[in-house]
């Protein structure tokens, strides 16, 4: 099964001063070593790149990310994200619009999610989102 890797995990792996023992970062490294399909969503690429100030670093990270499949979201993905947000809100769960887009993409396209963001644990209590 393919895995969408959230910005929170990519950030841990790409940081120069990241804690080397991060369990989520190690899970990503293990996925890559095993050759398990890792998928990106456009908003994750944007979040990763928009914080990079150096043009050379920007290009380097972009080039590395180009190696991964990109899941392009369509209208139904955004509708599903809105429905998921409403479902979660009715159960007292709040998260960002982007988090609901990522969660809905995982659900609709049958992908696991690797994240270090606790908001997804709350979302997963309201739906069938599978966290790695």
N, C-alpha and C. Protein backbone atom coordinates (compact mmCIF):
# COMPACT_ATOMS: atom_id res chain seq x y z
N UNK A 1 0.84 -1.18 0.00
CA UNK A 1 0.00 0.00 0.00
C UNK A 1 0.89 1.24 0.00
N UNK A 2 0.49 2.24 -0.75
CA UNK A 2 1.24 3.50 -0.82
C UNK A 2 1.03 4.32 0.45
N UNK A 3 2.00 5.19 0.70
CA UNK A 3 1.99 6.01 1.90
C UNK A 3 2.14 7.48 1.51
N UNK A 4 1.22 8.30 2.00
CA UNK A 4 1.40 9.74 1.90
C UNK A 4 2.18 10.16 3.14
N UNK A 5 3.26 10.87 2.91
CA UNK A 5 4.10 11.34 4.01
C UNK A 5 3.81 12.82 4.22
N UNK A 6 3.36 13.15 5.41
CA UNK A 6 2.96 14.51 5.76
C UNK A 6 4.18 15.42 5.90
N UNK A 7 3.93 16.70 5.76
CA UNK A 7 4.96 17.73 5.89
C UNK A 7 5.74 17.59 7.20
N UNK A 8 5.06 17.25 8.27
CA UNK A 8 5.71 17.15 9.58
C UNK A 8 6.86 16.15 9.57
N UNK A 9 6.71 15.06 8.84
CA UNK A 9 7.76 14.04 8.79
C UNK A 9 8.87 14.46 7.83
N UNK A 10 8.49 14.96 6.66
CA UNK A 10 9.50 15.44 5.71
C UNK A 10 10.37 16.50 6.39
N UNK A 11 9.76 17.38 7.15
CA UNK A 11 10.50 18.44 7.83
C UNK A 11 11.54 17.87 8.79
N UNK A 12 11.17 16.82 9.50
CA UNK A 12 12.12 16.18 10.41
C UNK A 12 13.31 15.61 9.64
N UNK A 13 13.02 15.00 8.50
CA UNK A 13 14.08 14.35 7.72
C UNK A 13 14.97 15.38 7.02
N UNK A 14 14.37 16.45 6.55
CA UNK A 14 15.12 17.43 5.76
C UNK A 14 15.85 18.48 6.59
N UNK A 15 15.49 18.63 7.84
CA UNK A 15 16.15 19.63 8.70
C UNK A 15 17.61 19.28 8.91
N UNK A 16 18.41 20.31 8.93
CA UNK A 16 19.84 20.09 9.20
C UNK A 16 20.08 19.67 10.64
N UNK A 17 19.28 20.19 11.55
CA UNK A 17 19.48 19.92 12.98
C UNK A 17 18.31 19.12 13.54
N UNK A 18 17.91 18.12 12.83
CA UNK A 18 16.79 17.27 13.24
C UNK A 18 17.27 16.23 14.25
N UNK A 19 16.41 15.89 15.20
CA UNK A 19 16.79 14.81 16.13
C UNK A 19 16.93 13.50 15.35
N UNK A 20 18.09 12.86 15.40
CA UNK A 20 18.32 11.66 14.60
C UNK A 20 17.47 10.47 15.02
N UNK A 21 16.92 10.50 16.21
CA UNK A 21 16.17 9.35 16.71
C UNK A 21 14.66 9.52 16.57
N UNK A 22 14.20 10.44 15.75
CA UNK A 22 12.78 10.62 15.55
C UNK A 22 12.18 9.35 14.96
N UNK A 23 11.19 8.77 15.64
CA UNK A 23 10.62 7.51 15.17
C UNK A 23 9.91 7.68 13.83
N UNK A 24 9.27 8.82 13.61
CA UNK A 24 8.58 9.03 12.34
C UNK A 24 9.58 9.21 11.20
N UNK A 25 10.65 9.92 11.45
CA UNK A 25 11.70 10.08 10.44
C UNK A 25 12.31 8.73 10.11
N UNK A 26 12.52 7.91 11.12
CA UNK A 26 13.07 6.57 10.88
C UNK A 26 12.09 5.71 10.08
N UNK A 27 10.79 5.86 10.34
CA UNK A 27 9.80 5.12 9.55
C UNK A 27 9.88 5.50 8.08
N UNK A 28 10.06 6.78 7.80
CA UNK A 28 10.19 7.21 6.40
C UNK A 28 11.45 6.61 5.78
N UNK A 29 12.54 6.67 6.50
CA UNK A 29 13.78 6.08 5.98
C UNK A 29 13.59 4.58 5.68
N UNK A 30 12.89 3.89 6.57
CA UNK A 30 12.64 2.45 6.36
C UNK A 30 11.76 2.22 5.13
N UNK A 31 10.73 3.05 4.95
CA UNK A 31 9.88 2.93 3.77
C UNK A 31 10.71 3.08 2.49
N UNK A 32 11.58 4.07 2.49
CA UNK A 32 12.40 4.33 1.32
C UNK A 32 13.39 3.19 1.06
N UNK A 33 13.96 2.65 2.13
CA UNK A 33 14.90 1.51 1.98
C UNK A 33 14.18 0.30 1.40
N UNK A 34 12.93 0.07 1.82
CA UNK A 34 12.15 -1.08 1.33
C UNK A 34 11.58 -0.85 -0.07
N UNK A 35 11.63 0.38 -0.54
CA UNK A 35 11.07 0.68 -1.85
C UNK A 35 9.55 0.77 -1.85
N UNK A 36 8.97 0.99 -0.68
CA UNK A 36 7.52 1.13 -0.60
C UNK A 36 7.12 2.45 -1.26
N UNK A 37 6.04 2.44 -2.04
CA UNK A 37 5.64 3.68 -2.73
C UNK A 37 5.29 4.80 -1.74
N UNK A 38 5.95 5.93 -1.93
CA UNK A 38 5.71 7.14 -1.14
C UNK A 38 5.11 8.16 -2.09
N UNK A 39 4.01 8.77 -1.66
CA UNK A 39 3.23 9.67 -2.50
C UNK A 39 3.19 11.05 -1.87
N UNK A 40 3.21 12.07 -2.72
CA UNK A 40 3.08 13.46 -2.27
C UNK A 40 1.74 14.02 -2.71
N UNK A 41 1.29 15.01 -1.98
CA UNK A 41 0.13 15.81 -2.35
C UNK A 41 0.66 17.23 -2.54
N UNK A 42 0.10 17.97 -3.49
CA UNK A 42 0.62 19.28 -3.84
C UNK A 42 0.84 20.21 -2.67
N UNK A 43 -0.11 20.23 -1.74
CA UNK A 43 0.01 21.15 -0.61
C UNK A 43 1.19 20.80 0.28
N UNK A 44 1.56 19.53 0.34
CA UNK A 44 2.73 19.12 1.12
C UNK A 44 4.00 19.65 0.45
N UNK A 45 4.07 19.53 -0.87
CA UNK A 45 5.21 20.08 -1.61
C UNK A 45 5.31 21.58 -1.35
N UNK A 46 4.19 22.27 -1.43
CA UNK A 46 4.19 23.71 -1.21
C UNK A 46 4.67 24.04 0.21
N UNK A 47 4.13 23.35 1.20
CA UNK A 47 4.53 23.63 2.58
C UNK A 47 6.03 23.41 2.78
N UNK A 48 6.58 22.38 2.17
CA UNK A 48 8.00 22.09 2.32
C UNK A 48 8.87 23.16 1.65
N UNK A 49 8.48 23.54 0.45
CA UNK A 49 9.32 24.47 -0.31
C UNK A 49 9.19 25.92 0.13
N UNK A 50 8.02 26.31 0.61
CA UNK A 50 7.82 27.73 0.91
C UNK A 50 8.65 28.22 2.09
N UNK A 51 9.18 27.34 2.88
CA UNK A 51 10.00 27.76 4.02
C UNK A 51 11.49 27.80 3.74
N UNK A 52 11.88 27.51 2.51
CA UNK A 52 13.31 27.44 2.18
C UNK A 52 13.76 28.77 1.58
N UNK A 53 14.70 29.40 2.23
CA UNK A 53 15.13 30.74 1.81
C UNK A 53 16.20 30.72 0.72
N UNK A 54 17.10 29.77 0.80
CA UNK A 54 18.21 29.71 -0.16
C UNK A 54 17.71 29.10 -1.48
N UNK A 55 18.03 29.76 -2.58
CA UNK A 55 17.62 29.26 -3.90
C UNK A 55 18.25 27.88 -4.18
N UNK A 56 19.49 27.69 -3.76
CA UNK A 56 20.16 26.40 -3.99
C UNK A 56 19.50 25.30 -3.17
N UNK A 57 19.19 25.58 -1.91
CA UNK A 57 18.51 24.58 -1.07
C UNK A 57 17.12 24.28 -1.61
N UNK A 58 16.41 25.33 -2.06
CA UNK A 58 15.08 25.16 -2.64
C UNK A 58 15.16 24.20 -3.81
N UNK A 59 16.10 24.43 -4.72
CA UNK A 59 16.22 23.58 -5.90
C UNK A 59 16.60 22.16 -5.52
N UNK A 60 17.47 22.02 -4.54
CA UNK A 60 17.90 20.68 -4.10
C UNK A 60 16.73 19.89 -3.53
N UNK A 61 15.95 20.50 -2.65
CA UNK A 61 14.79 19.81 -2.07
C UNK A 61 13.77 19.51 -3.15
N UNK A 62 13.50 20.48 -4.03
CA UNK A 62 12.56 20.27 -5.13
C UNK A 62 12.99 19.08 -5.99
N UNK A 63 14.27 19.02 -6.32
CA UNK A 63 14.78 17.92 -7.14
C UNK A 63 14.59 16.58 -6.44
N UNK A 64 14.83 16.53 -5.14
CA UNK A 64 14.63 15.28 -4.39
C UNK A 64 13.15 14.88 -4.38
N UNK A 65 12.27 15.85 -4.19
CA UNK A 65 10.83 15.55 -4.14
C UNK A 65 10.29 15.14 -5.50
N UNK A 66 10.93 15.59 -6.58
CA UNK A 66 10.48 15.23 -7.93
C UNK A 66 10.50 13.72 -8.17
N UNK A 67 11.25 13.01 -7.37
CA UNK A 67 11.35 11.55 -7.54
C UNK A 67 10.10 10.81 -7.07
N UNK A 68 9.23 11.50 -6.33
CA UNK A 68 8.07 10.84 -5.75
C UNK A 68 6.81 11.12 -6.55
N UNK A 69 5.95 10.11 -6.59
CA UNK A 69 4.66 10.26 -7.28
C UNK A 69 3.85 11.39 -6.64
N UNK A 70 3.13 12.11 -7.48
CA UNK A 70 2.27 13.20 -7.00
C UNK A 70 0.82 12.79 -7.22
N UNK A 71 0.06 12.80 -6.14
CA UNK A 71 -1.37 12.56 -6.22
C UNK A 71 -2.05 13.89 -6.47
N UNK A 72 -2.71 14.01 -7.61
CA UNK A 72 -3.40 15.25 -7.96
C UNK A 72 -4.85 15.13 -7.49
N UNK A 73 -5.25 16.06 -6.64
CA UNK A 73 -6.59 16.02 -6.07
C UNK A 73 -7.60 16.59 -7.07
N UNK A 74 -8.82 16.06 -7.03
CA UNK A 74 -9.88 16.56 -7.90
C UNK A 74 -11.04 17.10 -7.05
N UNK A 75 -12.07 17.51 -7.70
CA UNK A 75 -13.23 18.11 -7.02
C UNK A 75 -13.75 17.19 -5.91
N UNK A 76 -13.88 15.92 -6.19
CA UNK A 76 -14.44 14.99 -5.20
C UNK A 76 -13.55 14.86 -3.96
N UNK A 77 -12.25 15.02 -4.14
CA UNK A 77 -11.34 15.00 -2.98
C UNK A 77 -11.62 16.18 -2.06
N UNK A 78 -11.87 17.34 -2.65
CA UNK A 78 -12.15 18.54 -1.84
C UNK A 78 -13.53 18.45 -1.17
N UNK A 79 -14.49 17.86 -1.88
CA UNK A 79 -15.81 17.64 -1.28
C UNK A 79 -15.68 16.67 -0.12
N UNK A 80 -14.90 15.60 -0.32
CA UNK A 80 -14.69 14.62 0.75
C UNK A 80 -13.99 15.26 1.94
N UNK A 81 -13.06 16.17 1.68
CA UNK A 81 -12.36 16.86 2.78
C UNK A 81 -13.34 17.71 3.58
N UNK A 82 -14.26 18.39 2.89
CA UNK A 82 -15.26 19.20 3.58
C UNK A 82 -16.19 18.32 4.41
N UNK A 83 -16.61 17.20 3.83
CA UNK A 83 -17.48 16.27 4.57
C UNK A 83 -16.77 15.73 5.80
N UNK A 84 -15.49 15.38 5.63
CA UNK A 84 -14.71 14.86 6.76
C UNK A 84 -14.56 15.92 7.84
N UNK A 85 -14.31 17.15 7.44
CA UNK A 85 -14.19 18.23 8.41
C UNK A 85 -15.49 18.40 9.20
N UNK A 86 -16.62 18.35 8.49
CA UNK A 86 -17.91 18.50 9.16
C UNK A 86 -18.18 17.33 10.10
N UNK A 87 -17.85 16.13 9.66
CA UNK A 87 -18.03 14.94 10.49
C UNK A 87 -17.17 15.04 11.76
N UNK A 88 -15.93 15.45 11.59
CA UNK A 88 -15.04 15.59 12.75
C UNK A 88 -15.51 16.70 13.68
N UNK A 89 -15.92 17.82 13.10
CA UNK A 89 -16.38 18.94 13.92
C UNK A 89 -17.58 18.55 14.77
N UNK A 90 -18.45 17.72 14.20
CA UNK A 90 -19.62 17.29 14.97
C UNK A 90 -19.23 16.37 16.13
N UNK A 91 -18.00 15.86 16.08
CA UNK A 91 -17.47 15.04 17.17
C UNK A 91 -16.45 15.81 18.00
N UNK A 92 -16.40 17.13 17.83
CA UNK A 92 -15.52 17.96 18.63
C UNK A 92 -14.07 17.98 18.19
N UNK A 93 -13.79 17.51 16.99
CA UNK A 93 -12.41 17.45 16.49
C UNK A 93 -12.16 18.58 15.51
N UNK A 94 -11.13 19.37 15.80
CA UNK A 94 -10.75 20.48 14.94
C UNK A 94 -9.36 20.23 14.37
N UNK A 95 -9.15 20.67 13.14
CA UNK A 95 -7.84 20.60 12.50
C UNK A 95 -7.85 21.61 11.36
N UNK A 96 -6.73 21.74 10.69
CA UNK A 96 -6.64 22.72 9.60
C UNK A 96 -7.29 22.18 8.32
N UNK A 97 -7.63 23.09 7.44
CA UNK A 97 -8.18 22.72 6.14
C UNK A 97 -7.22 21.79 5.41
N UNK A 98 -5.94 22.11 5.47
CA UNK A 98 -4.93 21.28 4.80
C UNK A 98 -4.91 19.87 5.38
N UNK A 99 -5.00 19.74 6.69
CA UNK A 99 -5.01 18.41 7.31
C UNK A 99 -6.20 17.59 6.81
N UNK A 100 -7.36 18.23 6.68
CA UNK A 100 -8.53 17.50 6.17
C UNK A 100 -8.36 17.13 4.70
N UNK A 101 -7.70 17.98 3.93
CA UNK A 101 -7.42 17.63 2.52
C UNK A 101 -6.53 16.40 2.45
N UNK A 102 -5.49 16.38 3.25
CA UNK A 102 -4.56 15.24 3.26
C UNK A 102 -5.26 13.98 3.73
N UNK A 103 -6.02 14.08 4.81
CA UNK A 103 -6.74 12.91 5.34
C UNK A 103 -7.74 12.37 4.32
N UNK A 104 -8.49 13.26 3.68
CA UNK A 104 -9.47 12.83 2.68
C UNK A 104 -8.78 12.17 1.49
N UNK A 105 -7.63 12.69 1.09
CA UNK A 105 -6.88 12.09 -0.01
C UNK A 105 -6.46 10.67 0.35
N UNK A 106 -6.00 10.48 1.58
CA UNK A 106 -5.62 9.14 2.04
C UNK A 106 -6.82 8.20 2.00
N UNK A 107 -7.93 8.66 2.50
CA UNK A 107 -9.14 7.83 2.55
C UNK A 107 -9.65 7.48 1.16
N UNK A 108 -9.77 8.47 0.29
CA UNK A 108 -10.34 8.26 -1.03
C UNK A 108 -9.45 7.41 -1.93
N UNK A 109 -8.13 7.52 -1.73
CA UNK A 109 -7.20 6.84 -2.65
C UNK A 109 -6.51 5.65 -1.99
N UNK A 110 -7.01 5.26 -0.81
CA UNK A 110 -6.54 4.07 -0.11
C UNK A 110 -5.03 4.11 0.18
N UNK A 111 -4.58 5.22 0.77
CA UNK A 111 -3.18 5.37 1.17
C UNK A 111 -3.09 5.43 2.68
N UNK A 112 -2.00 4.93 3.20
CA UNK A 112 -1.67 5.12 4.61
C UNK A 112 -1.12 6.53 4.77
N UNK A 113 -1.11 7.03 6.01
CA UNK A 113 -0.54 8.33 6.28
C UNK A 113 0.55 8.20 7.33
N UNK A 114 1.72 8.73 7.01
CA UNK A 114 2.81 8.83 7.97
C UNK A 114 2.92 10.29 8.37
N UNK A 115 2.73 10.56 9.65
CA UNK A 115 2.73 11.94 10.14
C UNK A 115 3.28 12.01 11.55
N UNK A 116 3.74 13.18 11.92
CA UNK A 116 4.14 13.46 13.30
C UNK A 116 3.18 14.48 13.91
N UNK A 117 2.10 14.78 13.20
CA UNK A 117 1.11 15.78 13.61
C UNK A 117 -0.03 15.08 14.36
N UNK A 118 -0.19 15.40 15.63
CA UNK A 118 -1.20 14.75 16.45
C UNK A 118 -2.63 15.02 15.99
N UNK A 119 -2.86 16.08 15.23
CA UNK A 119 -4.21 16.35 14.73
C UNK A 119 -4.77 15.18 13.93
N UNK A 120 -3.89 14.47 13.24
CA UNK A 120 -4.36 13.34 12.45
C UNK A 120 -4.82 12.17 13.32
N UNK A 121 -4.26 12.05 14.51
CA UNK A 121 -4.74 11.03 15.44
C UNK A 121 -6.19 11.32 15.84
N UNK A 122 -6.50 12.59 16.04
CA UNK A 122 -7.86 12.99 16.38
C UNK A 122 -8.80 12.74 15.20
N UNK A 123 -8.36 13.09 14.01
CA UNK A 123 -9.17 12.86 12.81
C UNK A 123 -9.44 11.36 12.65
N UNK A 124 -8.42 10.54 12.87
CA UNK A 124 -8.54 9.09 12.67
C UNK A 124 -9.57 8.47 13.63
N UNK A 125 -9.85 9.13 14.75
CA UNK A 125 -10.86 8.59 15.67
C UNK A 125 -12.27 8.74 15.09
N UNK A 126 -12.43 9.59 14.07
CA UNK A 126 -13.74 9.86 13.48
C UNK A 126 -13.95 9.18 12.14
N UNK A 127 -12.95 8.47 11.65
CA UNK A 127 -13.06 7.88 10.32
C UNK A 127 -12.08 6.71 10.21
N UNK A 128 -11.95 6.17 9.02
CA UNK A 128 -11.10 5.00 8.80
C UNK A 128 -9.68 5.36 8.37
N UNK A 129 -9.24 6.58 8.66
CA UNK A 129 -7.87 6.99 8.31
C UNK A 129 -6.87 6.06 8.98
N UNK A 130 -5.95 5.53 8.17
CA UNK A 130 -4.95 4.59 8.69
C UNK A 130 -3.61 5.30 8.83
N UNK A 131 -3.13 5.40 10.06
CA UNK A 131 -1.86 6.04 10.34
C UNK A 131 -0.79 4.99 10.45
N UNK A 132 0.38 5.31 9.97
CA UNK A 132 1.50 4.38 10.03
C UNK A 132 2.31 4.64 11.28
